[in-house]
């Protein structure tokens, strides 16, 4: 695969995020086909997933339950991955 998924952010994972990132990455590397990341609104789920994407360095399909959330996720991922294609 060409390129690398690189996060551009002044933030670093905090609280439960590092452990969640590690467990999700391990699950992906182990071939798990289904995993769930649960968190309340504003808990940093998008940033956590961006870190997982950067760590595994694989193209990712993100599915949202409605257009409003899809647009929000699109904008956040565009900001976090300015050097990568977010469509």
PDB file of N, CA and C in Angstrom:
ATOM      1  N   UNK A   1       0.838  -1.182   0.000  1.00  0.00           N
ATOM      2  CA  UNK A   1       0.000   0.000   0.000  1.00  0.00           C
ATOM      3  C   UNK A   1       0.877   1.238   0.000  1.00  0.00           C
ATOM      4  N   UNK A   2       0.530   2.220  -0.793  1.00  0.00           N
ATOM      5  CA  UNK A   2       1.281   3.458  -0.831  1.00  0.00           C
ATOM      6  C   UNK A   2       0.818   4.378   0.280  1.00  0.00           C
ATOM      7  N   UNK A   3       1.737   5.210   0.769  1.00  0.00           N
ATOM      8  CA  UNK A   3       1.379   6.209   1.751  1.00  0.00           C
ATOM      9  C   UNK A   3       1.171   5.645   3.136  1.00  0.00           C
ATOM     10  N   UNK A   4       0.977   6.567   4.040  1.00  0.00           N
ATOM     11  CA  UNK A   4       0.775   6.202   5.431  1.00  0.00           C
ATOM     12  C   UNK A   4      -0.315   7.097   5.982  1.00  0.00           C
ATOM     13  N   UNK A   5      -1.172   6.528   6.782  1.00  0.00           N
ATOM     14  CA  UNK A   5      -2.203   7.322   7.436  1.00  0.00           C
ATOM     15  C   UNK A   5      -1.546   8.044   8.604  1.00  0.00           C
ATOM     16  N   UNK A   6      -1.498   9.367   8.513  1.00  0.00           N
ATOM     17  CA  UNK A   6      -0.815  10.157   9.523  1.00  0.00           C
ATOM     18  C   UNK A   6      -1.768  11.192  10.109  1.00  0.00           C
ATOM     19  N   UNK A   7      -1.954  11.123  11.422  1.00  0.00           N
ATOM     20  CA  UNK A   7      -2.832  12.061  12.119  1.00  0.00           C
ATOM     21  C   UNK A   7      -2.096  13.381  12.313  1.00  0.00           C
ATOM     22  N   UNK A   8      -2.791  14.474  12.015  1.00  0.00           N
ATOM     23  CA  UNK A   8      -2.265  15.802  12.288  1.00  0.00           C
ATOM     24  C   UNK A   8      -3.145  16.398  13.378  1.00  0.00           C
ATOM     25  N   UNK A   9      -2.609  16.429  14.594  1.00  0.00           N
ATOM     26  CA  UNK A   9      -3.367  16.922  15.739  1.00  0.00           C
ATOM     27  C   UNK A   9      -2.405  17.222  16.878  1.00  0.00           C
ATOM     28  N   UNK A  10      -2.715  18.237  17.639  1.00  0.00           N
ATOM     29  CA  UNK A  10      -1.928  18.550  18.823  1.00  0.00           C
ATOM     30  C   UNK A  10      -2.343  17.710  20.014  1.00  0.00           C
ATOM     31  N   UNK A  11      -3.347  16.875  19.824  1.00  0.00           N
ATOM     32  CA  UNK A  11      -3.863  16.048  20.914  1.00  0.00           C
ATOM     33  C   UNK A  11      -3.162  14.698  20.953  1.00  0.00           C
ATOM     34  N   UNK A  12      -3.144  14.102  22.128  1.00  0.00           N
ATOM     35  CA  UNK A  12      -2.661  12.733  22.288  1.00  0.00           C
ATOM     36  C   UNK A  12      -3.753  11.946  23.001  1.00  0.00           C
ATOM     37  N   UNK A  13      -3.820  10.639  22.772  1.00  0.00           N
ATOM     38  CA  UNK A  13      -4.836   9.832  23.458  1.00  0.00           C
ATOM     39  C   UNK A  13      -4.714   9.968  24.979  1.00  0.00           C
ATOM     40  N   UNK A  14      -5.854  10.094  25.634  1.00  0.00           N
ATOM     41  CA  UNK A  14      -5.907  10.293  27.081  1.00  0.00           C
ATOM     42  C   UNK A  14      -6.898   9.326  27.720  1.00  0.00           C
ATOM     43  N   UNK A  15      -6.814   9.195  29.029  1.00  0.00           N
ATOM     44  CA  UNK A  15      -7.779   8.390  29.779  1.00  0.00           C
ATOM     45  C   UNK A  15      -7.805   6.945  29.319  1.00  0.00           C
ATOM     46  N   UNK A  16      -8.992   6.488  28.922  1.00  0.00           N
ATOM     47  CA  UNK A  16      -9.173   5.104  28.459  1.00  0.00           C
ATOM     48  C   UNK A  16      -8.783   4.913  26.993  1.00  0.00           C
ATOM     49  N   UNK A  17      -8.514   5.996  26.280  1.00  0.00           N
ATOM     50  CA  UNK A  17      -8.229   5.891  24.848  1.00  0.00           C
ATOM     51  C   UNK A  17      -7.019   5.013  24.517  1.00  0.00           C
ATOM     52  N   UNK A  18      -5.865   5.167  25.187  1.00  0.00           N
ATOM     53  CA  UNK A  18      -4.721   4.315  24.818  1.00  0.00           C
ATOM     54  C   UNK A  18      -5.027   2.817  24.924  1.00  0.00           C
ATOM     55  N   UNK A  19      -5.735   2.427  25.975  1.00  0.00           N
ATOM     56  CA  UNK A  19      -6.081   1.011  26.147  1.00  0.00           C
ATOM     57  C   UNK A  19      -7.069   0.572  25.064  1.00  0.00           C
ATOM     58  N   UNK A  20      -8.045   1.416  24.762  1.00  0.00           N
ATOM     59  CA  UNK A  20      -9.019   1.081  23.718  1.00  0.00           C
ATOM     60  C   UNK A  20      -8.324   0.945  22.365  1.00  0.00           C
ATOM     61  N   UNK A  21      -7.419   1.860  22.061  1.00  0.00           N
ATOM     62  CA  UNK A  21      -6.676   1.805  20.799  1.00  0.00           C
ATOM     63  C   UNK A  21      -5.900   0.499  20.717  1.00  0.00           C
ATOM     64  N   UNK A  22      -5.192   0.169  21.772  1.00  0.00           N
ATOM     65  CA  UNK A  22      -4.376  -1.043  21.781  1.00  0.00           C
ATOM     66  C   UNK A  22      -5.231  -2.292  21.578  1.00  0.00           C
ATOM     67  N   UNK A  23      -6.357  -2.376  22.294  1.00  0.00           N
ATOM     68  CA  UNK A  23      -7.219  -3.559  22.179  1.00  0.00           C
ATOM     69  C   UNK A  23      -7.841  -3.671  20.789  1.00  0.00           C
ATOM     70  N   UNK A  24      -8.261  -2.549  20.226  1.00  0.00           N
ATOM     71  CA  UNK A  24      -8.846  -2.581  18.884  1.00  0.00           C
ATOM     72  C   UNK A  24      -7.800  -2.972  17.839  1.00  0.00           C
ATOM     73  N   UNK A  25      -6.595  -2.425  17.957  1.00  0.00           N
ATOM     74  CA  UNK A  25      -5.519  -2.779  17.025  1.00  0.00           C
ATOM     75  C   UNK A  25      -5.193  -4.262  17.140  1.00  0.00           C
ATOM     76  N   UNK A  26      -5.090  -4.762  18.356  1.00  0.00           N
ATOM     77  CA  UNK A  26      -4.811  -6.188  18.559  1.00  0.00           C
ATOM     78  C   UNK A  26      -5.905  -7.050  17.932  1.00  0.00           C
ATOM     79  N   UNK A  27      -7.154  -6.627  18.089  1.00  0.00           N
ATOM     80  CA  UNK A  27      -8.267  -7.372  17.504  1.00  0.00           C
ATOM     81  C   UNK A  27      -8.191  -7.407  15.990  1.00  0.00           C
ATOM     82  N   UNK A  28      -7.877  -6.274  15.385  1.00  0.00           N
ATOM     83  CA  UNK A  28      -7.750  -6.217  13.923  1.00  0.00           C
ATOM     84  C   UNK A  28      -6.611  -7.115  13.464  1.00  0.00           C
ATOM     85  N   UNK A  29      -5.473  -7.005  14.140  1.00  0.00           N
ATOM     86  CA  UNK A  29      -4.313  -7.819  13.762  1.00  0.00           C
ATOM     87  C   UNK A  29      -4.565  -9.313  13.977  1.00  0.00           C
ATOM     88  N   UNK A  30      -5.460  -9.647  14.912  1.00  0.00           N
ATOM     89  CA  UNK A  30      -5.802 -11.047  15.171  1.00  0.00           C
ATOM     90  C   UNK A  30      -6.880 -11.558  14.216  1.00  0.00           C
ATOM     91  N   UNK A  31      -7.386 -10.671  13.353  1.00  0.00           N
ATOM     92  CA  UNK A  31      -8.376 -11.083  12.370  1.00  0.00           C
ATOM     93  C   UNK A  31      -9.813 -11.033  12.848  1.00  0.00           C
ATOM     94  N   UNK A  32     -10.070 -10.376  13.974  1.00  0.00           N
ATOM     95  CA  UNK A  32     -11.458 -10.253  14.435  1.00  0.00           C
ATOM     96  C   UNK A  32     -12.255  -9.452  13.409  1.00  0.00           C
ATOM     97  N   UNK A  33     -13.412  -9.973  13.049  1.00  0.00           N
ATOM     98  CA  UNK A  33     -14.223  -9.295  12.042  1.00  0.00           C
ATOM     99  C   UNK A  33     -15.200  -8.292  12.650  1.00  0.00           C
ATOM    100  N   UNK A  34     -15.452  -8.389  13.938  1.00  0.00           N
ATOM    101  CA  UNK A  34     -16.382  -7.468  14.590  1.00  0.00           C
ATOM    102  C   UNK A  34     -15.808  -7.012  15.925  1.00  0.00           C
ATOM    103  N   UNK A  35     -15.812  -5.699  16.132  1.00  0.00           N
ATOM    104  CA  UNK A  35     -15.426  -5.118  17.411  1.00  0.00           C
ATOM    105  C   UNK A  35     -16.328  -3.915  17.641  1.00  0.00           C
ATOM    106  N   UNK A  36     -16.489  -3.528  18.886  1.00  0.00           N
ATOM    107  CA  UNK A  36     -17.344  -2.398  19.219  1.00  0.00           C
ATOM    108  C   UNK A  36     -16.572  -1.431  20.103  1.00  0.00           C
ATOM    109  N   UNK A  37     -16.683  -0.151  19.786  1.00  0.00           N
ATOM    110  CA  UNK A  37     -16.127   0.909  20.622  1.00  0.00           C
ATOM    111  C   UNK A  37     -17.310   1.693  21.170  1.00  0.00           C
ATOM    112  N   UNK A  38     -17.520   1.608  22.461  1.00  0.00           N
ATOM    113  CA  UNK A  38     -18.632   2.311  23.097  1.00  0.00           C
ATOM    114  C   UNK A  38     -18.110   3.501  23.883  1.00  0.00           C
ATOM    115  N   UNK A  39     -18.857   4.591  23.851  1.00  0.00           N
ATOM    116  CA  UNK A  39     -18.489   5.765  24.634  1.00  0.00           C
ATOM    117  C   UNK A  39     -19.600   6.790  24.566  1.00  0.00           C
ATOM    118  N   UNK A  40     -19.678   7.609  25.588  1.00  0.00           N
ATOM    119  CA  UNK A  40     -20.695   8.652  25.624  1.00  0.00           C
ATOM    120  C   UNK A  40     -20.325   9.750  24.630  1.00  0.00           C
ATOM    121  N   UNK A  41     -21.270  10.612  24.329  1.00  0.00           N
ATOM    122  CA  UNK A  41     -21.035  11.740  23.441  1.00  0.00           C
ATOM    123  C   UNK A  41     -19.874  12.576  23.967  1.00  0.00           C
ATOM    124  N   UNK A  42     -18.947  12.889  23.078  1.00  0.00           N
ATOM    125  CA  UNK A  42     -17.824  13.737  23.456  1.00  0.00           C
ATOM    126  C   UNK A  42     -16.680  13.023  24.146  1.00  0.00           C
ATOM    127  N   UNK A  43     -16.706  11.689  24.147  1.00  0.00           N
ATOM    128  CA  UNK A  43     -15.664  10.932  24.856  1.00  0.00           C
ATOM    129  C   UNK A  43     -14.423  10.674  24.001  1.00  0.00           C
ATOM    130  N   UNK A  44     -14.457  11.062  22.726  1.00  0.00           N
ATOM    131  CA  UNK A  44     -13.286  10.907  21.875  1.00  0.00           C
ATOM    132  C   UNK A  44     -13.267   9.651  21.032  1.00  0.00           C
ATOM    133  N   UNK A  45     -14.442   9.136  20.689  1.00  0.00           N
ATOM    134  CA  UNK A  45     -14.497   7.916  19.874  1.00  0.00           C
ATOM    135  C   UNK A  45     -13.893   8.136  18.485  1.00  0.00           C
ATOM    136  N   UNK A  46     -14.178   9.279  17.875  1.00  0.00           N
ATOM    137  CA  UNK A  46     -13.636   9.557  16.542  1.00  0.00           C
ATOM    138  C   UNK A  46     -12.116   9.644  16.590  1.00  0.00           C
ATOM    139  N   UNK A  47     -11.576  10.334  17.577  1.00  0.00           N
ATOM    140  CA  UNK A  47     -10.123  10.452  17.727  1.00  0.00           C
ATOM    141  C   UNK A  47      -9.504   9.087  18.016  1.00  0.00           C
ATOM    142  N   UNK A  48     -10.196   8.281  18.806  1.00  0.00           N
ATOM    143  CA  UNK A  48      -9.720   6.923  19.092  1.00  0.00           C
ATOM    144  C   UNK A  48      -9.660   6.117  17.800  1.00  0.00           C
ATOM    145  N   UNK A  49     -10.716   6.180  16.998  1.00  0.00           N
ATOM    146  CA  UNK A  49     -10.733   5.432  15.738  1.00  0.00           C
ATOM    147  C   UNK A  49      -9.678   5.952  14.766  1.00  0.00           C
ATOM    148  N   UNK A  50      -9.452   7.253  14.748  1.00  0.00           N
ATOM    149  CA  UNK A  50      -8.399   7.802  13.889  1.00  0.00           C
ATOM    150  C   UNK A  50      -7.046   7.219  14.279  1.00  0.00           C
ATOM    151  N   UNK A  51      -6.810   7.073  15.564  1.00  0.00           N
ATOM    152  CA  UNK A  51      -5.555   6.486  16.029  1.00  0.00           C
ATOM    153  C   UNK A  51      -5.448   5.016  15.646  1.00  0.00           C
ATOM    154  N   UNK A  52      -6.559   4.310  15.688  1.00  0.00           N
ATOM    155  CA  UNK A  52      -6.556   2.904  15.263  1.00  0.00           C
ATOM    156  C   UNK A  52      -6.235   2.829  13.769  1.00  0.00           C
ATOM    157  N   UNK A  53      -6.876   3.666  12.974  1.00  0.00           N
ATOM    158  CA  UNK A  53      -6.631   3.686  11.526  1.00  0.00           C
ATOM    159  C   UNK A  53      -5.156   3.972  11.244  1.00  0.00           C
ATOM    160  N   UNK A  54      -4.596   4.947  11.941  1.00  0.00           N
ATOM    161  CA  UNK A  54      -3.183   5.286  11.742  1.00  0.00           C
ATOM    162  C   UNK A  54      -2.276   4.128  12.149  1.00  0.00           C
ATOM    163  N   UNK A  55      -2.621   3.452  13.224  1.00  0.00           N
ATOM    164  CA  UNK A  55      -1.777   2.339  13.697  1.00  0.00           C
ATOM    165  C   UNK A  55      -1.799   1.144  12.753  1.00  0.00           C
ATOM    166  N   UNK A  56      -2.980   0.778  12.259  1.00  0.00           N
ATOM    167  CA  UNK A  56      -3.053  -0.394  11.373  1.00  0.00           C
ATOM    168  C   UNK A  56      -2.718  -0.028   9.929  1.00  0.00           C
ATOM    169  N   UNK A  57      -2.793   1.270   9.619  1.00  0.00           N
ATOM    170  CA  UNK A  57      -2.433   1.787   8.299  1.00  0.00           C
ATOM    171  C   UNK A  57      -3.167   1.059   7.173  1.00  0.00           C
ATOM    172  N   UNK A  58      -4.496   0.994   7.329  1.00  0.00           N
ATOM    173  CA  UNK A  58      -5.343   0.356   6.314  1.00  0.00           C
ATOM    174  C   UNK A  58      -6.493   1.284   5.949  1.00  0.00           C
ATOM    175  N   UNK A  59      -6.900   1.276   4.690  1.00  0.00           N
ATOM    176  CA  UNK A  59      -8.101   2.023   4.327  1.00  0.00           C
ATOM    177  C   UNK A  59      -9.284   1.511   5.154  1.00  0.00           C
ATOM    178  N   UNK A  60     -10.163   2.414   5.516  1.00  0.00           N
ATOM    179  CA  UNK A  60     -11.237   2.066   6.445  1.00  0.00           C
ATOM    180  C   UNK A  60     -12.570   2.614   5.966  1.00  0.00           C
ATOM    181  N   UNK A  61     -13.600   1.803   6.062  1.00  0.00           N
ATOM    182  CA  UNK A  61     -14.960   2.241   5.782  1.00  0.00           C
ATOM    183  C   UNK A  61     -15.611   2.579   7.115  1.00  0.00           C
ATOM    184  N   UNK A  62     -16.051   3.835   7.244  1.00  0.00           N
ATOM    185  CA  UNK A  62     -16.730   4.270   8.465  1.00  0.00           C
ATOM    186  C   UNK A  62     -18.200   4.442   8.123  1.00  0.00           C
ATOM    187  N   UNK A  63     -19.061   3.787   8.876  1.00  0.00           N
ATOM    188  CA  UNK A  63     -20.499   3.831   8.628  1.00  0.00           C
ATOM    189  C   UNK A  63     -21.167   4.609   9.753  1.00  0.00           C
ATOM    190  N   UNK A  64     -22.045   5.532   9.385  1.00  0.00           N
ATOM    191  CA  UNK A  64     -22.767   6.342  10.365  1.00  0.00           C
ATOM    192  C   UNK A  64     -24.268   6.078  10.225  1.00  0.00           C
ATOM    193  N   UNK A  65     -25.019   6.217  11.327  1.00  0.00           N
ATOM    194  CA  UNK A  65     -26.449   5.909  11.289  1.00  0.00           C
ATOM    195  C   UNK A  65     -27.314   6.980  10.628  1.00  0.00           C
ATOM    196  N   UNK A  66     -26.752   8.170  10.382  1.00  0.00           N
ATOM    197  CA  UNK A  66     -27.543   9.215   9.735  1.00  0.00           C
ATOM    198  C   UNK A  66     -26.620  10.211   9.028  1.00  0.00           C
ATOM    199  N   UNK A  67     -27.214  11.059   8.178  1.00  0.00           N
ATOM    200  CA  UNK A  67     -26.427  12.004   7.381  1.00  0.00           C
ATOM    201  C   UNK A  67     -25.713  13.041   8.235  1.00  0.00           C
ATOM    202  N   UNK A  68     -26.342  13.459   9.303  1.00  0.00           N
ATOM    203  CA  UNK A  68     -25.735  14.471  10.167  1.00  0.00           C
ATOM    204  C   UNK A  68     -24.445  13.952  10.779  1.00  0.00           C
ATOM    205  N   UNK A  69     -24.497  12.755  11.331  1.00  0.00           N
ATOM    206  CA  UNK A  69     -23.301  12.167  11.932  1.00  0.00           C
ATOM    207  C   UNK A  69     -22.269  11.833  10.857  1.00  0.00           C
ATOM    208  N   UNK A  70     -22.716  11.392   9.688  1.00  0.00           N
ATOM    209  CA  UNK A  70     -21.786  11.094   8.591  1.00  0.00           C
ATOM    210  C   UNK A  70     -21.010  12.352   8.202  1.00  0.00           C
ATOM    211  N   UNK A  71     -21.702  13.479   8.101  1.00  0.00           N
ATOM    212  CA  UNK A  71     -21.040  14.741   7.751  1.00  0.00           C
ATOM    213  C   UNK A  71     -20.051  15.164   8.834  1.00  0.00           C
ATOM    214  N   UNK A  72     -20.447  14.998  10.080  1.00  0.00           N
ATOM    215  CA  UNK A  72     -19.566  15.342  11.202  1.00  0.00           C
ATOM    216  C   UNK A  72     -18.301  14.478  11.172  1.00  0.00           C
ATOM    217  N   UNK A  73     -18.472  13.174  10.985  1.00  0.00           N
ATOM    218  CA  UNK A  73     -17.323  12.267  10.926  1.00  0.00           C
ATOM    219  C   UNK A  73     -16.421  12.603   9.741  1.00  0.00           C
ATOM    220  N   UNK A  74     -17.024  12.879   8.599  1.00  0.00           N
ATOM    221  CA  UNK A  74     -16.258  13.247   7.410  1.00  0.00           C
ATOM    222  C   UNK A  74     -15.370  14.449   7.705  1.00  0.00           C
ATOM    223  N   UNK A  75     -15.963  15.493   8.277  1.00  0.00           N
ATOM    224  CA  UNK A  75     -15.206  16.711   8.569  1.00  0.00           C
ATOM    225  C   UNK A  75     -14.096  16.464   9.586  1.00  0.00           C
ATOM    226  N   UNK A  76     -14.380  15.687  10.611  1.00  0.00           N
ATOM    227  CA  UNK A  76     -13.366  15.403  11.626  1.00  0.00           C
ATOM    228  C   UNK A  76     -12.226  14.573  11.047  1.00  0.00           C
ATOM    229  N   UNK A  77     -12.541  13.566  10.236  1.00  0.00           N
ATOM    230  CA  UNK A  77     -11.483  12.754   9.630  1.00  0.00           C
ATOM    231  C   UNK A  77     -10.677  13.565   8.613  1.00  0.00           C
ATOM    232  N   UNK A  78     -11.327  14.490   7.883  1.00  0.00           N
ATOM    233  CA  UNK A  78     -10.596  15.366   6.961  1.00  0.00           C
ATOM    234  C   UNK A  78      -9.583  16.211   7.724  1.00  0.00           C
ATOM    235  N   UNK A  79      -9.973  16.700   8.896  1.00  0.00           N
ATOM    236  CA  UNK A  79      -9.058  17.496   9.721  1.00  0.00           C
ATOM    237  C   UNK A  79      -7.929  16.648  10.278  1.00  0.00           C
ATOM    238  N   UNK A  80      -8.249  15.445  10.737  1.00  0.00           N
ATOM    239  CA  UNK A  80      -7.245  14.580  11.355  1.00  0.00           C
ATOM    240  C   UNK A  80      -6.290  13.968  10.336  1.00  0.00           C
ATOM    241  N   UNK A  81      -6.761  13.743   9.114  1.00  0.00           N
ATOM    242  CA  UNK A  81      -5.945  13.126   8.063  1.00  0.00           C
ATOM    243  C   UNK A  81      -5.864  14.040   6.834  1.00  0.00           C
ATOM    244  N   UNK A  82      -5.286  15.239   6.969  1.00  0.00           N
ATOM    245  CA  UNK A  82      -5.266  16.170   5.831  1.00  0.00           C
ATOM    246  C   UNK A  82      -4.436  15.675   4.646  1.00  0.00           C
ATOM    247  N   UNK A  83      -3.507  14.776   4.877  1.00  0.00           N
ATOM    248  CA  UNK A  83      -2.667  14.265   3.802  1.00  0.00           C
ATOM    249  C   UNK A  83      -3.188  12.989   3.170  1.00  0.00           C
ATOM    250  N   UNK A  84      -4.358  12.548   3.609  1.00  0.00           N
ATOM    251  CA  UNK A  84      -4.933  11.298   3.108  1.00  0.00           C
ATOM    252  C   UNK A  84      -6.290  11.564   2.472  1.00  0.00           C
ATOM    253  N   UNK A  85      -6.713  10.652   1.613  1.00  0.00           N
ATOM    254  CA  UNK A  85      -8.018  10.775   0.968  1.00  0.00           C
ATOM    255  C   UNK A  85      -9.112  10.388   1.955  1.00  0.00           C
ATOM    256  N   UNK A  86     -10.013  11.312   2.200  1.00  0.00           N
ATOM    257  CA  UNK A  86     -11.206  11.043   3.015  1.00  0.00           C
ATOM    258  C   UNK A  86     -12.374  11.352   2.102  1.00  0.00           C
ATOM    259  N   UNK A  87     -13.176  10.317   1.823  1.00  0.00           N
ATOM    260  CA  UNK A  87     -14.283  10.500   0.872  1.00  0.00           C
ATOM    261  C   UNK A  87     -15.584  10.065   1.471  1.00  0.00           C
TER     262      UNK A  87
END
